[in-house]
Amino acid sequence: MIGYYVHHQGRGHLHRAVCVARHARVPVTGLSSLPRPDGWRGEWIHLPMDTGDAEGRPAGAADPTARGRLHWAPLHHEGLRSRTGAIADWAARTGPRLLVSDVSVEVALLARLMGVPVVVAAMRGDRFDPAHRLGYDLAEALLAPWPGTMPEPGWPRPWLDKTLHTGAFSRYDGRPRPPAPSPAPTREAVVLLGAGGSGVGADDLRRAADATPGWTWTFLGGPDGGRWTDDPWPLLCRADVVVTHAGQNAVAECAAARTPAVVVPQERPHDEQRATARALRSADLATVCATWPEPGEWQGILDRTAKRDGDRWSLWAPGDGARRAARLLDDLAGAEPGERRAPCASR
């Protein structure tokens, strides 16, 4: 059995877990505070939240980083104690062959202390703090959902040697595009801001739409009112341009649709989105704006972006990343205890 820990912030971690688990031969158990996703075939362990007390009120966080060595391990925290206990109970009861952490250094460390091999879902950005170094160092393998031709700068050789660069992957890989709609009198920009917070206000969106005659704007997520949809695929495919942040999942979905994109990175811990945006700009795969453009800039940005070749997204997302990740997990879960493999070198 493989355990797959899914962080509850946003929806990208969950979508990634569903993609990988769907292709795995070894049974996969999900562990998360998120609800069990539709179609999940294995067991789902619902974890208590560790960000508040039993009533959900904000809780005091004494020394949450263990003097800078961890990310979230506050002293005397009931939620953390219950969450950690649930994971430990599951591991003791089932004896998993492998645990995937996407993402938590503390969960990775807990599993490894219980003798369970760990695979860590890697993230772009500055991951050289002591906690990330610990998590990446102790992992049997790192899953990097970006192409090996666009690596993160400065990674030490031991990390690279055990990294499988899958390329970006999404729940839409392999899904047929819907039939092309009839030509519309205006072109369409679809704004995909996701569930993790965008830093863009409703006024920003309205002013941009008002400043771009000839373009219709459709808002998905974001402040005040973009409409939320569980399946944005038809909208992403029919769009002339997608405007999005630089979250791994959002970019992967744009890439799967092969739709030209404007990417505006948002503030995230460890500069994750800015690192992704730098890689996209370097490879000339998207129009990258460091900050949300002024209203008068949007007409030119959209017009230029619409001329991009969407097929270049195949360099970022070749379409088989989830299968490759699942194959790695199956290989590691099937190894005999103590057996050392180099599963990434041949992939």
Protein backbone atom coordinates (compact mmCIF):
# COMPACT_ATOMS: atom_id res chain seq x y z
CA MET A 1 0.00 0.00 0.00
CA ILE A 2 1.03 3.59 -0.76
CA GLY A 3 -0.06 6.51 1.41
CA TYR A 4 -0.54 9.87 -0.28
CA TYR A 5 -0.65 12.94 1.98
CA VAL A 6 -2.54 15.83 0.32
CA HIS A 7 -2.16 19.36 1.67
CA HIS A 8 -5.47 21.17 2.12
CA GLN A 9 -4.45 24.60 0.77
CA GLY A 10 -5.89 25.26 -2.70
CA ARG A 11 -6.84 22.38 -4.99
CA GLY A 12 -3.64 21.74 -6.93
CA HIS A 13 -2.25 19.17 -4.49
CA LEU A 14 -5.52 17.22 -4.59
CA HIS A 15 -5.77 17.25 -8.38
CA ARG A 16 -2.20 16.01 -8.62
CA ALA A 17 -2.84 13.16 -6.18
CA VAL A 18 -5.94 12.05 -8.08
CA CYS A 19 -4.00 12.01 -11.35
CA VAL A 20 -1.17 9.89 -9.98
CA ALA A 21 -3.34 7.49 -7.96
CA ARG A 22 -5.48 6.77 -11.02
CA HIS A 23 -2.47 5.25 -12.78
CA ALA A 24 -0.90 3.40 -9.84
CA ARG A 25 -1.07 -0.40 -9.71
CA VAL A 26 -0.41 -0.49 -5.95
CA PRO A 27 -3.45 0.58 -3.86
CA VAL A 28 -3.22 4.22 -2.74
CA THR A 29 -4.68 5.60 0.50
CA GLY A 30 -5.28 9.35 0.66
CA LEU A 31 -4.60 11.29 3.86
CA SER A 32 -5.94 14.84 3.98
CA SER A 33 -8.24 17.34 5.64
CA LEU A 34 -9.98 17.75 2.29
CA PRO A 35 -13.10 15.72 1.49
CA ARG A 36 -12.64 12.47 -0.39
CA PRO A 37 -12.62 13.35 -4.11
CA ASP A 38 -15.05 11.75 -6.51
CA GLY A 39 -13.61 8.67 -8.14
CA TRP A 40 -10.93 8.00 -5.52
CA ARG A 41 -10.60 4.21 -5.53
CA GLY A 42 -8.68 3.56 -2.32
CA GLU A 43 -9.18 4.36 1.34
CA TRP A 44 -9.40 8.03 2.37
CA ILE A 45 -8.28 9.04 5.86
CA HIS A 46 -9.78 12.37 6.89
CA LEU A 47 -7.30 14.26 9.07
CA PRO A 48 -8.15 16.82 11.77
CA MET A 49 -7.10 20.37 10.95
CA ASP A 50 -3.99 21.61 12.72
CA THR A 51 -4.62 25.35 12.38
CA GLY A 52 -7.16 25.88 15.20
CA ASP A 53 -8.57 24.40 18.37
CA ALA A 54 -11.38 21.85 18.61
CA GLU A 55 -13.97 24.57 17.84
CA GLY A 56 -12.02 25.88 14.86
CA ARG A 57 -10.94 29.09 16.58
CA PRO A 58 -7.44 30.42 15.88
CA ALA A 59 -5.06 28.82 18.31
CA GLY A 60 -1.86 30.05 19.86
CA ALA A 61 1.24 28.85 18.09
CA ALA A 62 4.16 28.56 20.50
CA ASP A 63 7.44 27.99 18.66
CA PRO A 64 5.69 26.72 15.49
CA THR A 65 8.95 26.24 13.57
CA ALA A 66 10.88 24.38 16.31
CA ARG A 67 13.48 27.14 16.36
CA GLY A 68 13.59 27.37 12.58
CA ARG A 69 13.99 23.66 11.85
CA LEU A 70 10.41 22.87 10.79
CA HIS A 71 7.51 24.70 9.14
CA TRP A 72 4.54 24.00 11.43
CA ALA A 73 4.89 22.15 14.73
CA PRO A 74 3.53 24.45 17.47
CA LEU A 75 3.92 23.29 21.04
CA HIS A 76 0.91 21.92 22.97
CA HIS A 77 -1.36 22.21 19.91
CA GLU A 78 -4.37 19.91 20.10
CA GLY A 79 -5.07 19.95 16.36
CA LEU A 80 -1.50 19.11 15.47
CA ARG A 81 -1.41 16.32 18.05
CA SER A 82 -4.64 14.78 16.73
CA ARG A 83 -3.54 15.08 13.11
CA THR A 84 -0.14 13.54 13.73
CA GLY A 85 -1.69 10.79 15.80
CA ALA A 86 -4.15 9.90 13.02
CA ILE A 87 -1.32 9.54 10.51
CA ALA A 88 0.78 7.50 12.92
CA ASP A 89 -2.17 5.24 13.77
CA TRP A 90 -2.83 4.62 10.09
CA ALA A 91 0.83 3.81 9.41
CA ALA A 92 1.05 1.45 12.41
CA ARG A 93 -2.18 -0.29 11.39
CA THR A 94 -1.44 -0.77 7.68
CA GLY A 95 2.36 -0.89 7.36
CA PRO A 96 2.54 1.10 4.11
CA ARG A 97 5.39 0.41 1.71
CA LEU A 98 5.69 4.08 0.78
CA LEU A 99 4.31 7.53 1.62
CA VAL A 100 4.08 10.48 -0.76
CA SER A 101 4.14 13.90 0.90
CA ASP A 102 2.44 16.61 -1.16
CA VAL A 103 3.41 18.60 0.76
CA SER A 104 4.51 18.63 4.38
CA VAL A 105 8.00 18.31 5.76
CA GLU A 106 6.51 17.24 9.10
CA VAL A 107 4.47 14.42 7.55
CA ALA A 108 7.50 13.26 5.56
CA LEU A 109 9.60 13.24 8.72
CA LEU A 110 6.93 11.41 10.72
CA ALA A 111 6.68 8.67 8.10
CA ARG A 112 10.44 8.27 7.87
CA LEU A 113 10.73 8.07 11.68
CA MET A 114 8.24 5.20 11.51
CA GLY A 115 10.42 3.42 8.97
CA VAL A 116 8.26 4.22 5.96
CA PRO A 117 10.13 5.29 2.77
CA VAL A 118 9.09 8.72 1.56
CA VAL A 119 8.65 10.40 -1.81
CA VAL A 120 8.36 14.19 -1.68
CA ALA A 121 6.49 16.25 -4.25
CA ALA A 122 9.00 18.96 -5.03
CA MET A 123 8.10 22.61 -5.40
CA ARG A 124 9.80 25.42 -7.26
CA GLY A 125 11.22 28.41 -5.47
CA ASP A 126 13.68 28.84 -2.63
CA ARG A 127 13.64 25.48 -0.82
CA PHE A 128 17.01 25.83 0.89
CA ASP A 129 15.70 26.56 4.38
CA PRO A 130 16.51 23.90 7.01
CA ALA A 131 13.03 22.34 6.94
CA HIS A 132 12.90 21.88 3.17
CA ARG A 133 16.47 20.60 3.12
CA LEU A 134 15.53 18.00 5.71
CA GLY A 135 12.48 16.87 3.73
CA TYR A 136 14.29 16.70 0.41
CA ASP A 137 17.37 15.04 1.92
CA LEU A 138 15.45 12.23 3.65
CA ALA A 139 13.28 11.42 0.62
CA GLU A 140 13.91 8.29 -1.43
CA ALA A 141 12.87 10.28 -4.50
CA LEU A 142 11.61 13.71 -5.49
CA LEU A 143 8.74 14.20 -7.93
CA ALA A 144 9.25 17.40 -9.90
CA PRO A 145 6.19 18.28 -12.02
CA TRP A 146 8.16 20.33 -14.50
CA PRO A 147 10.48 19.37 -17.38
CA GLY A 148 14.07 18.44 -16.73
CA THR A 149 15.06 20.89 -19.47
CA MET A 150 13.81 23.72 -17.22
CA PRO A 151 15.33 22.79 -13.84
CA GLU A 152 15.33 24.76 -10.64
CA PRO A 153 18.67 26.57 -10.33
CA GLY A 154 21.07 25.71 -7.55
CA TRP A 155 19.73 22.30 -6.57
CA PRO A 156 22.48 20.12 -5.05
CA ARG A 157 23.55 17.05 -6.98
CA PRO A 158 22.07 14.56 -4.44
CA TRP A 159 18.61 16.07 -5.03
CA LEU A 160 18.97 15.99 -8.80
CA ASP A 161 20.20 12.39 -8.77
CA LYS A 162 16.96 11.19 -7.16
CA THR A 163 14.54 13.50 -8.99
CA LEU A 164 12.02 12.36 -11.56
CA HIS A 165 11.14 15.34 -13.74
CA THR A 166 7.71 14.34 -15.03
CA GLY A 167 6.82 17.53 -16.81
CA ALA A 168 3.62 19.27 -15.76
CA PHE A 169 0.52 17.11 -15.62
CA SER A 170 -3.14 17.76 -14.99
CA ARG A 171 -6.50 16.03 -14.69
CA TYR A 172 -7.12 16.95 -18.33
CA ASP A 173 -4.19 15.12 -19.89
CA GLY A 174 -5.49 13.00 -22.74
CA ARG A 175 -8.99 14.49 -22.64
CA PRO A 176 -10.29 15.35 -26.12
CA ARG A 177 -10.89 18.98 -26.87
CA PRO A 178 -14.55 19.86 -27.40
CA PRO A 179 -15.60 20.83 -30.94
CA ALA A 180 -14.51 24.32 -31.89
CA PRO A 181 -17.32 26.85 -31.41
CA SER A 182 -18.60 29.01 -34.22
CA PRO A 183 -16.57 32.18 -34.71
CA ALA A 184 -17.62 34.82 -32.18
CA PRO A 185 -17.78 38.57 -32.78
CA THR A 186 -15.27 39.09 -29.97
CA ARG A 187 -12.32 37.12 -28.70
CA GLU A 188 -12.47 35.61 -25.22
CA ALA A 189 -10.09 35.91 -22.29
CA VAL A 190 -10.73 33.39 -19.51
CA VAL A 191 -9.39 34.41 -16.10
CA LEU A 192 -8.40 31.41 -13.97
CA LEU A 193 -7.39 32.48 -10.47
CA GLY A 194 -7.95 29.30 -8.47
CA ALA A 195 -8.79 28.63 -4.83
CA GLY A 196 -5.53 29.53 -3.14
CA GLY A 197 -5.88 33.32 -3.16
CA SER A 198 -4.87 35.61 -6.00
CA GLY A 199 -3.99 39.08 -4.73
CA VAL A 200 -6.06 40.55 -7.60
CA GLY A 201 -9.13 42.61 -6.71
CA ALA A 202 -12.52 42.70 -8.39
CA ASP A 203 -11.84 46.30 -9.49
CA ASP A 204 -8.64 45.17 -11.22
CA LEU A 205 -10.62 42.68 -13.27
CA ARG A 206 -13.40 45.10 -14.17
CA ARG A 207 -10.98 47.83 -15.26
CA ALA A 208 -9.04 45.38 -17.43
CA ALA A 209 -12.23 44.17 -19.11
CA ASP A 210 -13.48 47.72 -19.68
CA ALA A 211 -10.16 48.68 -21.31
CA THR A 212 -10.17 45.91 -23.94
CA PRO A 213 -12.78 46.43 -26.66
CA GLY A 214 -13.08 43.38 -28.86
CA TRP A 215 -12.49 41.03 -25.94
CA THR A 216 -15.01 39.28 -23.71
CA TRP A 217 -13.74 38.36 -20.24
CA THR A 218 -14.94 35.29 -18.38
CA PHE A 219 -13.95 35.06 -14.71
CA LEU A 220 -13.38 31.74 -12.95
CA GLY A 221 -12.66 32.07 -9.24
CA GLY A 222 -11.00 35.14 -7.84
CA PRO A 223 -12.46 38.05 -5.90
CA ASP A 224 -16.20 38.67 -5.68
CA GLY A 225 -17.38 36.82 -8.25
CA GLY A 226 -15.88 34.88 -10.69
CA ARG A 227 -18.03 31.89 -11.11
CA TRP A 228 -16.54 28.69 -9.77
CA THR A 229 -16.73 25.56 -11.89
CA ASP A 230 -15.45 22.11 -11.12
CA ASP A 231 -14.74 21.54 -14.82
CA PRO A 232 -13.22 24.57 -16.57
CA TRP A 233 -11.93 22.42 -19.46
CA PRO A 234 -14.46 23.59 -22.11
CA LEU A 235 -13.81 27.21 -21.20
CA LEU A 236 -10.02 26.78 -21.29
CA CYS A 237 -10.24 25.16 -24.72
CA ARG A 238 -12.52 27.74 -26.30
CA ALA A 239 -10.58 30.73 -24.90
CA ASP A 240 -8.31 32.73 -27.16
CA VAL A 241 -6.18 33.58 -24.11
CA VAL A 242 -6.16 32.38 -20.50
CA VAL A 243 -5.10 34.84 -17.80
CA THR A 244 -3.85 33.02 -14.73
CA HIS A 245 -1.49 33.00 -11.80
CA ALA A 246 1.63 30.81 -11.79
CA GLY A 247 0.41 27.97 -9.59
CA GLN A 248 1.57 24.58 -10.79
CA ASN A 249 -1.94 23.24 -11.32
CA ALA A 250 -3.30 26.31 -13.11
CA VAL A 251 -0.35 26.42 -15.50
CA ALA A 252 -0.63 22.66 -16.11
CA GLU A 253 -4.30 23.02 -17.06
CA CYS A 254 -3.53 25.84 -19.49
CA ALA A 255 -0.78 23.67 -20.97
CA ALA A 256 -3.09 20.68 -21.34
CA ALA A 257 -5.56 22.85 -23.26
CA ARG A 258 -2.69 24.21 -25.42
CA THR A 259 -4.17 27.69 -25.02
CA PRO A 260 -1.92 30.79 -25.04
CA ALA A 261 -1.64 32.29 -21.57
CA VAL A 262 -0.83 35.47 -19.68
CA VAL A 263 0.77 34.47 -16.38
CA VAL A 264 0.86 36.88 -13.45
CA PRO A 265 2.68 35.28 -10.49
CA GLN A 266 1.19 35.85 -7.06
CA GLU A 267 2.93 36.14 -3.71
CA ARG A 268 3.46 32.68 -2.26
CA PRO A 269 5.83 31.29 0.36
CA HIS A 270 9.35 30.63 -0.89
CA ASP A 271 8.67 32.61 -4.10
CA GLU A 272 7.17 29.50 -5.71
CA GLN A 273 5.07 31.25 -8.34
CA ARG A 274 7.79 33.70 -9.31
CA ALA A 275 10.15 30.79 -9.87
CA THR A 276 7.60 29.12 -12.15
CA ALA A 277 7.05 32.38 -14.00
CA ARG A 278 10.80 32.76 -14.56
CA ALA A 279 10.96 29.29 -16.10
CA LEU A 280 8.01 30.05 -18.39
CA ARG A 281 9.52 33.34 -19.48
CA SER A 282 12.92 31.77 -20.11
CA ALA A 283 11.37 29.11 -22.35
CA ASP A 284 9.06 31.66 -24.03
CA LEU A 285 6.01 29.55 -23.24
CA ALA A 286 3.72 32.32 -21.96
CA THR A 287 3.39 36.07 -21.65
CA VAL A 288 4.66 36.70 -18.14
CA CYS A 289 3.84 39.92 -16.29
CA ALA A 290 5.65 40.55 -13.01
CA THR A 291 2.62 42.39 -11.59
CA TRP A 292 -1.00 42.87 -12.62
CA PRO A 293 -0.87 45.21 -15.64
CA GLU A 294 -2.46 48.63 -15.78
CA PRO A 295 -5.80 48.78 -17.66
CA GLY A 296 -4.27 50.49 -20.67
CA GLU A 297 -1.71 47.71 -21.12
CA TRP A 298 -4.18 44.87 -21.45
CA GLN A 299 -5.25 45.40 -25.06
CA GLY A 300 -1.73 44.96 -26.37
CA ILE A 301 -0.97 42.08 -24.00
CA LEU A 302 -4.02 40.09 -25.08
CA ASP A 303 -3.53 40.80 -28.77
CA ARG A 304 0.10 39.68 -28.66
CA THR A 305 -0.59 36.62 -26.54
CA ALA A 306 -3.38 35.40 -28.83
CA LYS A 307 -0.76 35.03 -31.61
CA ARG A 308 1.31 32.55 -29.59
CA ASP A 309 1.58 28.96 -30.75
CA GLY A 310 -0.31 26.99 -28.11
CA ASP A 311 1.34 23.75 -29.19
CA ARG A 312 4.58 24.94 -27.60
CA TRP A 313 2.99 23.99 -24.28
CA SER A 314 3.98 20.41 -25.09
CA LEU A 315 7.49 21.34 -23.95
CA TRP A 316 6.08 22.00 -20.48
CA ALA A 317 3.42 19.31 -20.31
CA PRO A 318 4.10 16.32 -22.60
CA GLY A 319 0.97 14.56 -21.37
CA ASP A 320 2.35 11.46 -19.63
CA GLY A 321 3.62 12.97 -16.37
CA ALA A 322 1.08 11.32 -14.06
CA ARG A 323 1.77 7.91 -15.56
CA ARG A 324 5.49 8.35 -15.10
CA ALA A 325 5.01 9.44 -11.49
CA ALA A 326 2.77 6.43 -10.78
CA ARG A 327 5.31 4.07 -12.34
CA LEU A 328 8.00 5.42 -10.01
CA LEU A 329 5.76 4.93 -6.96
CA ASP A 330 4.89 1.39 -8.04
CA ASP A 331 8.58 0.58 -8.47
CA LEU A 332 9.51 1.96 -5.07
CA ALA A 333 6.58 0.31 -3.30
CA GLY A 334 7.58 -3.03 -4.80
CA ALA A 335 11.19 -2.85 -3.65
CA GLU A 336 12.29 -5.12 -0.83
CA PRO A 337 12.93 -3.37 2.53
CA GLY A 338 16.40 -1.87 2.54
CA GLU A 339 16.89 -2.30 -1.19
CA ARG A 340 18.33 0.83 -2.78
CA ARG A 341 17.32 1.71 -6.29
CA ALA A 342 18.09 4.53 -8.68
CA PRO A 343 14.64 4.79 -10.26
CA CYS A 344 15.09 8.21 -11.78
CA ALA A 345 18.25 7.74 -13.80
CA SER A 346 16.61 5.65 -16.52
CA ARG A 347 13.49 7.76 -16.90
